[in-house]
Amino acid sequence: MAFTVTPRGAGVRFAVHVQPRAKKPGVDGTHGDALRVRVQAPPVEGAANDAVIAVIAAVLGVPARAVHIAAGQSSRQKLVDVDGVDAASATARLLAP
């Protein structure tokens, strides 16, 4: 399976694989069928989730309030919803080198 961005209402949904405590935060390609997101925050008290939201919002150029973790709050594997973007532009921005 390949990474896919699915249209959902006024936005999109996609899978994310989180790597906490990374040296450098950012999007780093894919991990199976999920987008790999590296964050410096540890996976405690929602810190890594907040960091994932910040990284995705910055890459997609949307406010952090437009990014929501739909499933997997306490897991490395998450489903993320983003409002205000379409699937084509989200895919292009997330997978840009």
PDB file of N, CA and C in Angstrom:
ATOM      1  N   MET A   1       0.830  -1.194   0.000  1.00  0.00           N
ATOM      2  CA  MET A   1       0.000   0.000   0.000  1.00  0.00           C
ATOM      3  C   MET A   1       0.872   1.254   0.000  1.00  0.00           C
ATOM      4  N   ALA A   2       0.385   2.264  -0.658  1.00  0.00           N
ATOM      5  CA  ALA A   2       1.122   3.516  -0.723  1.00  0.00           C
ATOM      6  C   ALA A   2       0.399   4.588   0.081  1.00  0.00           C
ATOM      7  N   PHE A   3       1.124   5.617   0.436  1.00  0.00           N
ATOM      8  CA  PHE A   3       0.552   6.747   1.169  1.00  0.00           C
ATOM      9  C   PHE A   3      -0.525   7.415   0.326  1.00  0.00           C
ATOM     10  N   THR A   4      -1.704   7.617   0.909  1.00  0.00           N
ATOM     11  CA  THR A   4      -2.785   8.286   0.200  1.00  0.00           C
ATOM     12  C   THR A   4      -3.423   9.350   1.091  1.00  0.00           C
ATOM     13  N   VAL A   5      -3.838  10.417   0.456  1.00  0.00           N
ATOM     14  CA  VAL A   5      -4.588  11.494   1.114  1.00  0.00           C
ATOM     15  C   VAL A   5      -6.018  11.381   0.621  1.00  0.00           C
ATOM     16  N   THR A   6      -6.951  11.191   1.545  1.00  0.00           N
ATOM     17  CA  THR A   6      -8.350  10.981   1.200  1.00  0.00           C
ATOM     18  C   THR A   6      -9.161  12.252   1.446  1.00  0.00           C
ATOM     19  N   PRO A   7      -9.951  12.684   0.452  1.00  0.00           N
ATOM     20  CA  PRO A   7     -10.828  13.845   0.687  1.00  0.00           C
ATOM     21  C   PRO A   7     -11.847  13.514   1.782  1.00  0.00           C
ATOM     22  N   ARG A   8     -12.122  14.487   2.643  1.00  0.00           N
ATOM     23  CA  ARG A   8     -13.077  14.284   3.738  1.00  0.00           C
ATOM     24  C   ARG A   8     -13.724  15.618   4.052  1.00  0.00           C
ATOM     25  N   GLY A   9     -14.984  15.786   3.649  1.00  0.00           N
ATOM     26  CA  GLY A   9     -15.686  17.044   3.903  1.00  0.00           C
ATOM     27  C   GLY A   9     -14.970  18.217   3.258  1.00  0.00           C
ATOM     28  N   ALA A  10     -14.632  19.217   4.056  1.00  0.00           N
ATOM     29  CA  ALA A  10     -13.935  20.412   3.559  1.00  0.00           C
ATOM     30  C   ALA A  10     -12.425  20.275   3.701  1.00  0.00           C
ATOM     31  N   GLY A  11     -11.941  19.052   3.832  1.00  0.00           N
ATOM     32  CA  GLY A  11     -10.506  18.846   4.012  1.00  0.00           C
ATOM     33  C   GLY A  11     -10.078  17.459   3.584  1.00  0.00           C
ATOM     34  N   VAL A  12      -9.075  16.930   4.286  1.00  0.00           N
ATOM     35  CA  VAL A  12      -8.501  15.634   3.935  1.00  0.00           C
ATOM     36  C   VAL A  12      -8.199  14.816   5.189  1.00  0.00           C
ATOM     37  N   ARG A  13      -7.956  13.527   4.985  1.00  0.00           N
ATOM     38  CA  ARG A  13      -7.538  12.621   6.060  1.00  0.00           C
ATOM     39  C   ARG A  13      -6.396  11.765   5.527  1.00  0.00           C
ATOM     40  N   PHE A  14      -5.398  11.525   6.386  1.00  0.00           N
ATOM     41  CA  PHE A  14      -4.299  10.646   6.012  1.00  0.00           C
ATOM     42  C   PHE A  14      -3.687  10.026   7.263  1.00  0.00           C
ATOM     43  N   ALA A  15      -2.929   8.953   7.048  1.00  0.00           N
ATOM     44  CA  ALA A  15      -2.274   8.248   8.140  1.00  0.00           C
ATOM     45  C   ALA A  15      -0.893   8.851   8.386  1.00  0.00           C
ATOM     46  N   VAL A  16      -0.497   8.839   9.658  1.00  0.00           N
ATOM     47  CA  VAL A  16       0.793   9.388  10.069  1.00  0.00           C
ATOM     48  C   VAL A  16       1.496   8.381  10.968  1.00  0.00           C
ATOM     49  N   HIS A  17       2.796   8.210  10.756  1.00  0.00           N
ATOM     50  CA  HIS A  17       3.652   7.440  11.661  1.00  0.00           C
ATOM     51  C   HIS A  17       4.579   8.448  12.334  1.00  0.00           C
ATOM     52  N   VAL A  18       4.510   8.521  13.664  1.00  0.00           N
ATOM     53  CA  VAL A  18       5.261   9.533  14.411  1.00  0.00           C
ATOM     54  C   VAL A  18       6.555   8.947  14.960  1.00  0.00           C
ATOM     55  N   GLN A  19       7.639   9.706  14.812  1.00  0.00           N
ATOM     56  CA  GLN A  19       8.906   9.359  15.440  1.00  0.00           C
ATOM     57  C   GLN A  19       9.218  10.443  16.466  1.00  0.00           C
ATOM     58  N   PRO A  20       8.919  10.165  17.743  1.00  0.00           N
ATOM     59  CA  PRO A  20       9.210  11.149  18.788  1.00  0.00           C
ATOM     60  C   PRO A  20      10.704  11.212  19.096  1.00  0.00           C
ATOM     61  N   ARG A  21      11.106  12.277  19.762  1.00  0.00           N
ATOM     62  CA  ARG A  21      12.499  12.501  20.190  1.00  0.00           C
ATOM     63  C   ARG A  21      13.495  12.482  19.026  1.00  0.00           C
ATOM     64  N   ALA A  22      13.076  12.974  17.885  1.00  0.00           N
ATOM     65  CA  ALA A  22      13.965  13.062  16.729  1.00  0.00           C
ATOM     66  C   ALA A  22      14.879  14.269  16.884  1.00  0.00           C
ATOM     67  N   LYS A  23      16.033  14.229  16.233  1.00  0.00           N
ATOM     68  CA  LYS A  23      16.959  15.357  16.310  1.00  0.00           C
ATOM     69  C   LYS A  23      16.398  16.570  15.583  1.00  0.00           C
ATOM     70  N   LYS A  24      15.753  16.331  14.443  1.00  0.00           N
ATOM     71  CA  LYS A  24      15.242  17.438  13.626  1.00  0.00           C
ATOM     72  C   LYS A  24      13.775  17.159  13.285  1.00  0.00           C
ATOM     73  N   PRO A  25      12.863  18.084  13.610  1.00  0.00           N
ATOM     74  CA  PRO A  25      11.447  17.859  13.305  1.00  0.00           C
ATOM     75  C   PRO A  25      11.141  18.077  11.828  1.00  0.00           C
ATOM     76  N   GLY A  26      10.106  17.415  11.362  1.00  0.00           N
ATOM     77  CA  GLY A  26       9.652  17.630   9.991  1.00  0.00           C
ATOM     78  C   GLY A  26       9.060  16.377   9.389  1.00  0.00           C
ATOM     79  N   VAL A  27       8.608  16.500   8.157  1.00  0.00           N
ATOM     80  CA  VAL A  27       8.072  15.375   7.404  1.00  0.00           C
ATOM     81  C   VAL A  27       9.245  14.694   6.718  1.00  0.00           C
ATOM     82  N   ASP A  28       9.287  13.367   6.812  1.00  0.00           N
ATOM     83  CA  ASP A  28      10.427  12.620   6.276  1.00  0.00           C
ATOM     84  C   ASP A  28       9.947  11.438   5.447  1.00  0.00           C
ATOM     85  N   GLY A  29       9.244  11.720   4.358  1.00  0.00           N
ATOM     86  CA  GLY A  29       8.809  10.662   3.458  1.00  0.00           C
ATOM     87  C   GLY A  29       7.668   9.839   4.031  1.00  0.00           C
ATOM     88  N   THR A  30       7.686   8.555   3.696  1.00  0.00           N
ATOM     89  CA  THR A  30       6.608   7.678   4.132  1.00  0.00           C
ATOM     90  C   THR A  30       7.152   6.499   4.923  1.00  0.00           C
ATOM     91  N   HIS A  31       6.249   5.877   5.659  1.00  0.00           N
ATOM     92  CA  HIS A  31       6.544   4.663   6.427  1.00  0.00           C
ATOM     93  C   HIS A  31       5.380   3.728   6.124  1.00  0.00           C
ATOM     94  N   GLY A  32       5.569   2.826   5.170  1.00  0.00           N
ATOM     95  CA  GLY A  32       4.467   1.984   4.722  1.00  0.00           C
ATOM     96  C   GLY A  32       3.419   2.839   4.031  1.00  0.00           C
ATOM     97  N   ASP A  33       2.187   2.802   4.532  1.00  0.00           N
ATOM     98  CA  ASP A  33       1.110   3.599   3.939  1.00  0.00           C
ATOM     99  C   ASP A  33       0.862   4.897   4.708  1.00  0.00           C
ATOM    100  N   ALA A  34       1.809   5.283   5.558  1.00  0.00           N
ATOM    101  CA  ALA A  34       1.648   6.482   6.392  1.00  0.00           C
ATOM    102  C   ALA A  34       2.761   7.493   6.110  1.00  0.00           C
ATOM    103  N   LEU A  35       2.448   8.751   6.386  1.00  0.00           N
ATOM    104  CA  LEU A  35       3.432   9.824   6.295  1.00  0.00           C
ATOM    105  C   LEU A  35       4.308   9.773   7.542  1.00  0.00           C
ATOM    106  N   ARG A  36       5.630   9.800   7.391  1.00  0.00           N
ATOM    107  CA  ARG A  36       6.520   9.792   8.554  1.00  0.00           C
ATOM    108  C   ARG A  36       6.747  11.231   9.012  1.00  0.00           C
ATOM    109  N   VAL A  37       6.406  11.486  10.280  1.00  0.00           N
ATOM    110  CA  VAL A  37       6.584  12.817  10.866  1.00  0.00           C
ATOM    111  C   VAL A  37       7.512  12.681  12.064  1.00  0.00           C
ATOM    112  N   ARG A  38       8.622  13.405  12.007  1.00  0.00           N
ATOM    113  CA  ARG A  38       9.585  13.397  13.115  1.00  0.00           C
ATOM    114  C   ARG A  38       9.337  14.628  13.992  1.00  0.00           C
ATOM    115  N   VAL A  39       9.314  14.400  15.298  1.00  0.00           N
ATOM    116  CA  VAL A  39       9.129  15.505  16.248  1.00  0.00           C
ATOM    117  C   VAL A  39      10.171  15.380  17.354  1.00  0.00           C
ATOM    118  N   GLN A  40      10.576  16.505  17.914  1.00  0.00           N
ATOM    119  CA  GLN A  40      11.567  16.498  18.987  1.00  0.00           C
ATOM    120  C   GLN A  40      10.935  16.185  20.333  1.00  0.00           C
ATOM    121  N   ALA A  41       9.647  16.390  20.468  1.00  0.00           N
ATOM    122  CA  ALA A  41       8.954  16.203  21.742  1.00  0.00           C
ATOM    123  C   ALA A  41       8.893  14.726  22.137  1.00  0.00           C
ATOM    124  N   PRO A  42       8.919  14.452  23.440  1.00  0.00           N
ATOM    125  CA  PRO A  42       8.745  13.079  23.912  1.00  0.00           C
ATOM    126  C   PRO A  42       7.262  12.707  23.879  1.00  0.00           C
ATOM    127  N   PRO A  43       6.956  11.415  23.853  1.00  0.00           N
ATOM    128  CA  PRO A  43       5.553  10.988  23.795  1.00  0.00           C
ATOM    129  C   PRO A  43       4.888  10.966  25.173  1.00  0.00           C
ATOM    130  N   VAL A  44       4.881  12.098  25.850  1.00  0.00           N
ATOM    131  CA  VAL A  44       4.248  12.177  27.176  1.00  0.00           C
ATOM    132  C   VAL A  44       3.299  13.366  27.235  1.00  0.00           C
ATOM    133  N   GLU A  45       2.172  13.182  27.882  1.00  0.00           N
ATOM    134  CA  GLU A  45       1.185  14.235  28.135  1.00  0.00           C
ATOM    135  C   GLU A  45       0.799  15.022  26.885  1.00  0.00           C
ATOM    136  N   GLY A  46       0.731  14.361  25.734  1.00  0.00           N
ATOM    137  CA  GLY A  46       0.286  15.013  24.512  1.00  0.00           C
ATOM    138  C   GLY A  46       1.307  15.904  23.836  1.00  0.00           C
ATOM    139  N   ALA A  47       2.526  15.945  24.346  1.00  0.00           N
ATOM    140  CA  ALA A  47       3.542  16.829  23.762  1.00  0.00           C
ATOM    141  C   ALA A  47       3.855  16.445  22.320  1.00  0.00           C
ATOM    142  N   ALA A  48       3.982  15.156  22.058  1.00  0.00           N
ATOM    143  CA  ALA A  48       4.278  14.711  20.695  1.00  0.00           C
ATOM    144  C   ALA A  48       3.097  14.999  19.768  1.00  0.00           C
ATOM    145  N   ASN A  49       1.872  14.824  20.252  1.00  0.00           N
ATOM    146  CA  ASN A  49       0.691  15.131  19.441  1.00  0.00           C
ATOM    147  C   ASN A  49       0.658  16.599  19.062  1.00  0.00           C
ATOM    148  N   ASP A  50       0.934  17.472  20.013  1.00  0.00           N
ATOM    149  CA  ASP A  50       0.975  18.906  19.732  1.00  0.00           C
ATOM    150  C   ASP A  50       2.047  19.231  18.699  1.00  0.00           C
ATOM    151  N   ALA A  51       3.184  18.558  18.802  1.00  0.00           N
ATOM    152  CA  ALA A  51       4.283  18.781  17.860  1.00  0.00           C
ATOM    153  C   ALA A  51       3.921  18.280  16.461  1.00  0.00           C
ATOM    154  N   VAL A  52       3.221  17.145  16.384  1.00  0.00           N
ATOM    155  CA  VAL A  52       2.772  16.620  15.094  1.00  0.00           C
ATOM    156  C   VAL A  52       1.832  17.622  14.434  1.00  0.00           C
ATOM    157  N   ILE A  53       0.900  18.154  15.194  1.00  0.00           N
ATOM    158  CA  ILE A  53      -0.045  19.142  14.674  1.00  0.00           C
ATOM    159  C   ILE A  53       0.704  20.362  14.147  1.00  0.00           C
ATOM    160  N   ALA A  54       1.688  20.829  14.888  1.00  0.00           N
ATOM    161  CA  ALA A  54       2.466  22.007  14.469  1.00  0.00           C
ATOM    162  C   ALA A  54       3.236  21.741  13.180  1.00  0.00           C
ATOM    163  N   VAL A  55       3.860  20.573  13.066  1.00  0.00           N
ATOM    164  CA  VAL A  55       4.644  20.236  11.868  1.00  0.00           C
ATOM    165  C   VAL A  55       3.727  20.158  10.648  1.00  0.00           C
ATOM    166  N   ILE A  56       2.614  19.442  10.773  1.00  0.00           N
ATOM    167  CA  ILE A  56       1.700  19.281   9.637  1.00  0.00           C
ATOM    168  C   ILE A  56       1.102  20.632   9.232  1.00  0.00           C
ATOM    169  N   ALA A  57       0.710  21.439  10.203  1.00  0.00           N
ATOM    170  CA  ALA A  57       0.155  22.763   9.897  1.00  0.00           C
ATOM    171  C   ALA A  57       1.173  23.618   9.150  1.00  0.00           C
ATOM    172  N   ALA A  58       2.425  23.583   9.573  1.00  0.00           N
ATOM    173  CA  ALA A  58       3.464  24.383   8.921  1.00  0.00           C
ATOM    174  C   ALA A  58       3.698  23.915   7.482  1.00  0.00           C
ATOM    175  N   VAL A  59       3.753  22.615   7.276  1.00  0.00           N
ATOM    176  CA  VAL A  59       4.002  22.083   5.930  1.00  0.00           C
ATOM    177  C   VAL A  59       2.846  22.403   4.987  1.00  0.00           C
ATOM    178  N   LEU A  60       1.619  22.299   5.484  1.00  0.00           N
ATOM    179  CA  LEU A  60       0.452  22.534   4.639  1.00  0.00           C
ATOM    180  C   LEU A  60       0.039  24.000   4.572  1.00  0.00           C
ATOM    181  N   GLY A  61       0.632  24.848   5.408  1.00  0.00           N
ATOM    182  CA  GLY A  61       0.308  26.266   5.384  1.00  0.00           C
ATOM    183  C   GLY A  61      -1.082  26.578   5.903  1.00  0.00           C
ATOM    184  N   VAL A  62      -1.516  25.819   6.905  1.00  0.00           N
ATOM    185  CA  VAL A  62      -2.827  26.055   7.530  1.00  0.00           C
ATOM    186  C   VAL A  62      -2.601  26.350   9.010  1.00  0.00           C
ATOM    187  N   PRO A  63      -3.569  26.977   9.681  1.00  0.00           N
ATOM    188  CA  PRO A  63      -3.416  27.196  11.121  1.00  0.00           C
ATOM    189  C   PRO A  63      -3.489  25.866  11.876  1.00  0.00           C
ATOM    190  N   ALA A  64      -2.856  25.806  13.020  1.00  0.00           N
ATOM    191  CA  ALA A  64      -2.842  24.575  13.819  1.00  0.00           C
ATOM    192  C   ALA A  64      -4.246  24.126  14.189  1.00  0.00           C
ATOM    193  N   ARG A  65      -5.169  25.060  14.329  1.00  0.00           N
ATOM    194  CA  ARG A  65      -6.546  24.688  14.694  1.00  0.00           C
ATOM    195  C   ARG A  65      -7.243  23.922  13.572  1.00  0.00           C
ATOM    196  N   ALA A  66      -6.691  23.917  12.357  1.00  0.00           N
ATOM    197  CA  ALA A  66      -7.274  23.182  11.231  1.00  0.00           C
ATOM    198  C   ALA A  66      -6.822  21.727  11.194  1.00  0.00           C
ATOM    199  N   VAL A  67      -5.872  21.364  12.053  1.00  0.00           N
ATOM    200  CA  VAL A  67      -5.330  19.999  12.084  1.00  0.00           C
ATOM    201  C   VAL A  67      -5.845  19.288  13.324  1.00  0.00           C
ATOM    202  N   HIS A  68      -6.407  18.085  13.124  1.00  0.00           N
ATOM    203  CA  HIS A  68      -6.979  17.319  14.231  1.00  0.00           C
ATOM    204  C   HIS A  68      -6.511  15.864  14.159  1.00  0.00           C
ATOM    205  N   ILE A  69      -6.155  15.304  15.297  1.00  0.00           N
ATOM    206  CA  ILE A  69      -5.824  13.884  15.352  1.00  0.00           C
ATOM    207  C   ILE A  69      -7.135  13.143  15.570  1.00  0.00           C
ATOM    208  N   ALA A  70      -7.579  12.409  14.543  1.00  0.00           N
ATOM    209  CA  ALA A  70      -8.872  11.727  14.573  1.00  0.00           C
ATOM    210  C   ALA A  70      -8.793  10.391  15.307  1.00  0.00           C
ATOM    211  N   ALA A  71      -7.639   9.742  15.251  1.00  0.00           N
ATOM    212  CA  ALA A  71      -7.479   8.445  15.926  1.00  0.00           C
ATOM    213  C   ALA A  71      -6.004   8.230  16.221  1.00  0.00           C
ATOM    214  N   GLY A  72      -5.728   7.496  17.301  1.00  0.00           N
ATOM    215  CA  GLY A  72      -4.358   7.153  17.648  1.00  0.00           C
ATOM    216  C   GLY A  72      -3.662   8.153  18.546  1.00  0.00           C
ATOM    217  N   GLN A  73      -4.402   8.818  19.422  1.00  0.00           N
ATOM    218  CA  GLN A  73      -3.809   9.833  20.300  1.00  0.00           C
ATOM    219  C   GLN A  73      -2.650   9.289  21.125  1.00  0.00           C
ATOM    220  N   SER A  74      -2.678   8.023  21.495  1.00  0.00           N
ATOM    221  CA  SER A  74      -1.601   7.468  22.333  1.00  0.00           C
ATOM    222  C   SER A  74      -0.761   6.437  21.580  1.00  0.00           C
ATOM    223  N   SER A  75      -0.752   6.528  20.270  1.00  0.00           N
ATOM    224  CA  SER A  75      -0.017   5.574  19.439  1.00  0.00           C
ATOM    225  C   SER A  75       0.892   6.318  18.471  1.00  0.00           C
ATOM    226  N   ARG A  76       1.888   5.617  17.946  1.00  0.00           N
ATOM    227  CA  ARG A  76       2.720   6.211  16.896  1.00  0.00           C
ATOM    228  C   ARG A  76       1.947   6.302  15.588  1.00  0.00           C
ATOM    229  N   GLN A  77       0.993   5.403  15.401  1.00  0.00           N
ATOM    230  CA  GLN A  77       0.161   5.398  14.196  1.00  0.00           C
ATOM    231  C   GLN A  77      -1.074   6.252  14.455  1.00  0.00           C
ATOM    232  N   LYS A  78      -1.288   7.274  13.636  1.00  0.00           N
ATOM    233  CA  LYS A  78      -2.398   8.204  13.844  1.00  0.00           C
ATOM    234  C   LYS A  78      -3.141   8.439  12.539  1.00  0.00           C
ATOM    235  N   LEU A  79      -4.403   8.812  12.658  1.00  0.00           N
ATOM    236  CA  LEU A  79      -5.171   9.330  11.532  1.00  0.00           C
ATOM    237  C   LEU A  79      -5.345  10.814  11.782  1.00  0.00           C
ATOM    238  N   VAL A  80      -5.000  11.611  10.788  1.00  0.00           N
ATOM    239  CA  VAL A  80      -5.032  13.062  10.940  1.00  0.00           C
ATOM    240  C   VAL A  80      -6.002  13.657   9.927  1.00  0.00           C
ATOM    241  N   ASP A  81      -6.868  14.554  10.407  1.00  0.00           N
ATOM    242  CA  ASP A  81      -7.771  15.320   9.548  1.00  0.00           C
ATOM    243  C   ASP A  81      -7.240  16.745   9.452  1.00  0.00           C
ATOM    244  N   VAL A  82      -7.284  17.299   8.248  1.00  0.00           N
ATOM    245  CA  VAL A  82      -6.866  18.684   8.041  1.00  0.00           C
ATOM    246  C   VAL A  82      -7.958  19.395   7.253  1.00  0.00           C
ATOM    247  N   ASP A  83      -8.462  20.480   7.800  1.00  0.00           N
ATOM    248  CA  ASP A  83      -9.501  21.274   7.139  1.00  0.00           C
ATOM    249  C   ASP A  83      -8.867  22.347   6.263  1.00  0.00           C
ATOM    250  N   GLY A  84      -9.551  22.686   5.170  1.00  0.00           N
ATOM    251  CA  GLY A  84      -9.127  23.812   4.351  1.00  0.00           C
ATOM    252  C   GLY A  84      -8.102  23.508   3.280  1.00  0.00           C
ATOM    253  N   VAL A  85      -7.857  22.232   2.986  1.00  0.00           N
ATOM    254  CA  VAL A  85      -6.948  21.864   1.894  1.00  0.00           C
ATOM    255  C   VAL A  85      -7.603  20.770   1.062  1.00  0.00           C
ATOM    256  N   ASP A  86      -7.179  20.667  -0.204  1.00  0.00           N
ATOM    257  CA  ASP A  86      -7.691  19.589  -1.045  1.00  0.00           C
ATOM    258  C   ASP A  86      -6.634  18.491  -1.141  1.00  0.00           C
ATOM    259  N   ALA A  87      -7.052  17.317  -1.567  1.00  0.00           N
ATOM    260  CA  ALA A  87      -6.176  16.145  -1.578  1.00  0.00           C
ATOM    261  C   ALA A  87      -4.950  16.334  -2.468  1.00  0.00           C
ATOM    262  N   ALA A  88      -5.125  16.921  -3.638  1.00  0.00           N
ATOM    263  CA  ALA A  88      -4.002  17.082  -4.563  1.00  0.00           C
ATOM    264  C   ALA A  88      -2.920  17.999  -3.999  1.00  0.00           C
ATOM    265  N   SER A  89      -3.328  19.151  -3.475  1.00  0.00           N
ATOM    266  CA  SER A  89      -2.318  20.077  -2.951  1.00  0.00           C
ATOM    267  C   SER A  89      -1.705  19.543  -1.656  1.00  0.00           C
ATOM    268  N   ALA A  90      -2.495  18.861  -0.830  1.00  0.00           N
ATOM    269  CA  ALA A  90      -1.947  18.279   0.394  1.00  0.00           C
ATOM    270  C   ALA A  90      -0.903  17.223   0.062  1.00  0.00           C
ATOM    271  N   THR A  91      -1.196  16.361  -0.890  1.00  0.00           N
ATOM    272  CA  THR A  91      -0.244  15.326  -1.294  1.00  0.00           C
ATOM    273  C   THR A  91       1.039  15.952  -1.814  1.00  0.00           C
ATOM    274  N   ALA A  92       0.906  16.952  -2.662  1.00  0.00           N
ATOM    275  CA  ALA A  92       2.082  17.608  -3.242  1.00  0.00           C
ATOM    276  C   ALA A  92       2.945  18.254  -2.163  1.00  0.00           C
ATOM    277  N   ARG A  93       2.341  18.921  -1.212  1.00  0.00           N
ATOM    278  CA  ARG A  93       3.114  19.598  -0.163  1.00  0.00           C
ATOM    279  C   ARG A  93       3.736  18.615   0.815  1.00  0.00           C
ATOM    280  N   LEU A  94       2.993  17.574   1.187  1.00  0.00           N
ATOM    281  CA  LEU A  94       3.493  16.608   2.165  1.00  0.00           C
ATOM    282  C   LEU A  94       4.630  15.766   1.613  1.00  0.00           C
ATOM    283  N   LEU A  95       4.612  15.479   0.324  1.00  0.00           N
ATOM    284  CA  LEU A  95       5.636  14.625  -0.260  1.00  0.00           C
ATOM    285  C   LEU A  95       6.695  15.394  -1.032  1.00  0.00           C
ATOM    286  N   ALA A  96       6.662  16.719  -0.944  1.00  0.00           N
ATOM    287  CA  ALA A  96       7.672  17.543  -1.634  1.00  0.00           C
ATOM    288  C   ALA A  96       9.052  17.258  -1.030  1.00  0.00           C
ATOM    289  N   PRO A  97      10.071  17.199  -1.874  1.00  0.00           N
ATOM    290  CA  PRO A  97      11.427  16.918  -1.355  1.00  0.00           C
ATOM    291  C   PRO A  97      11.969  18.042  -0.501  1.00  0.00           C
TER     292      PRO A  97
END
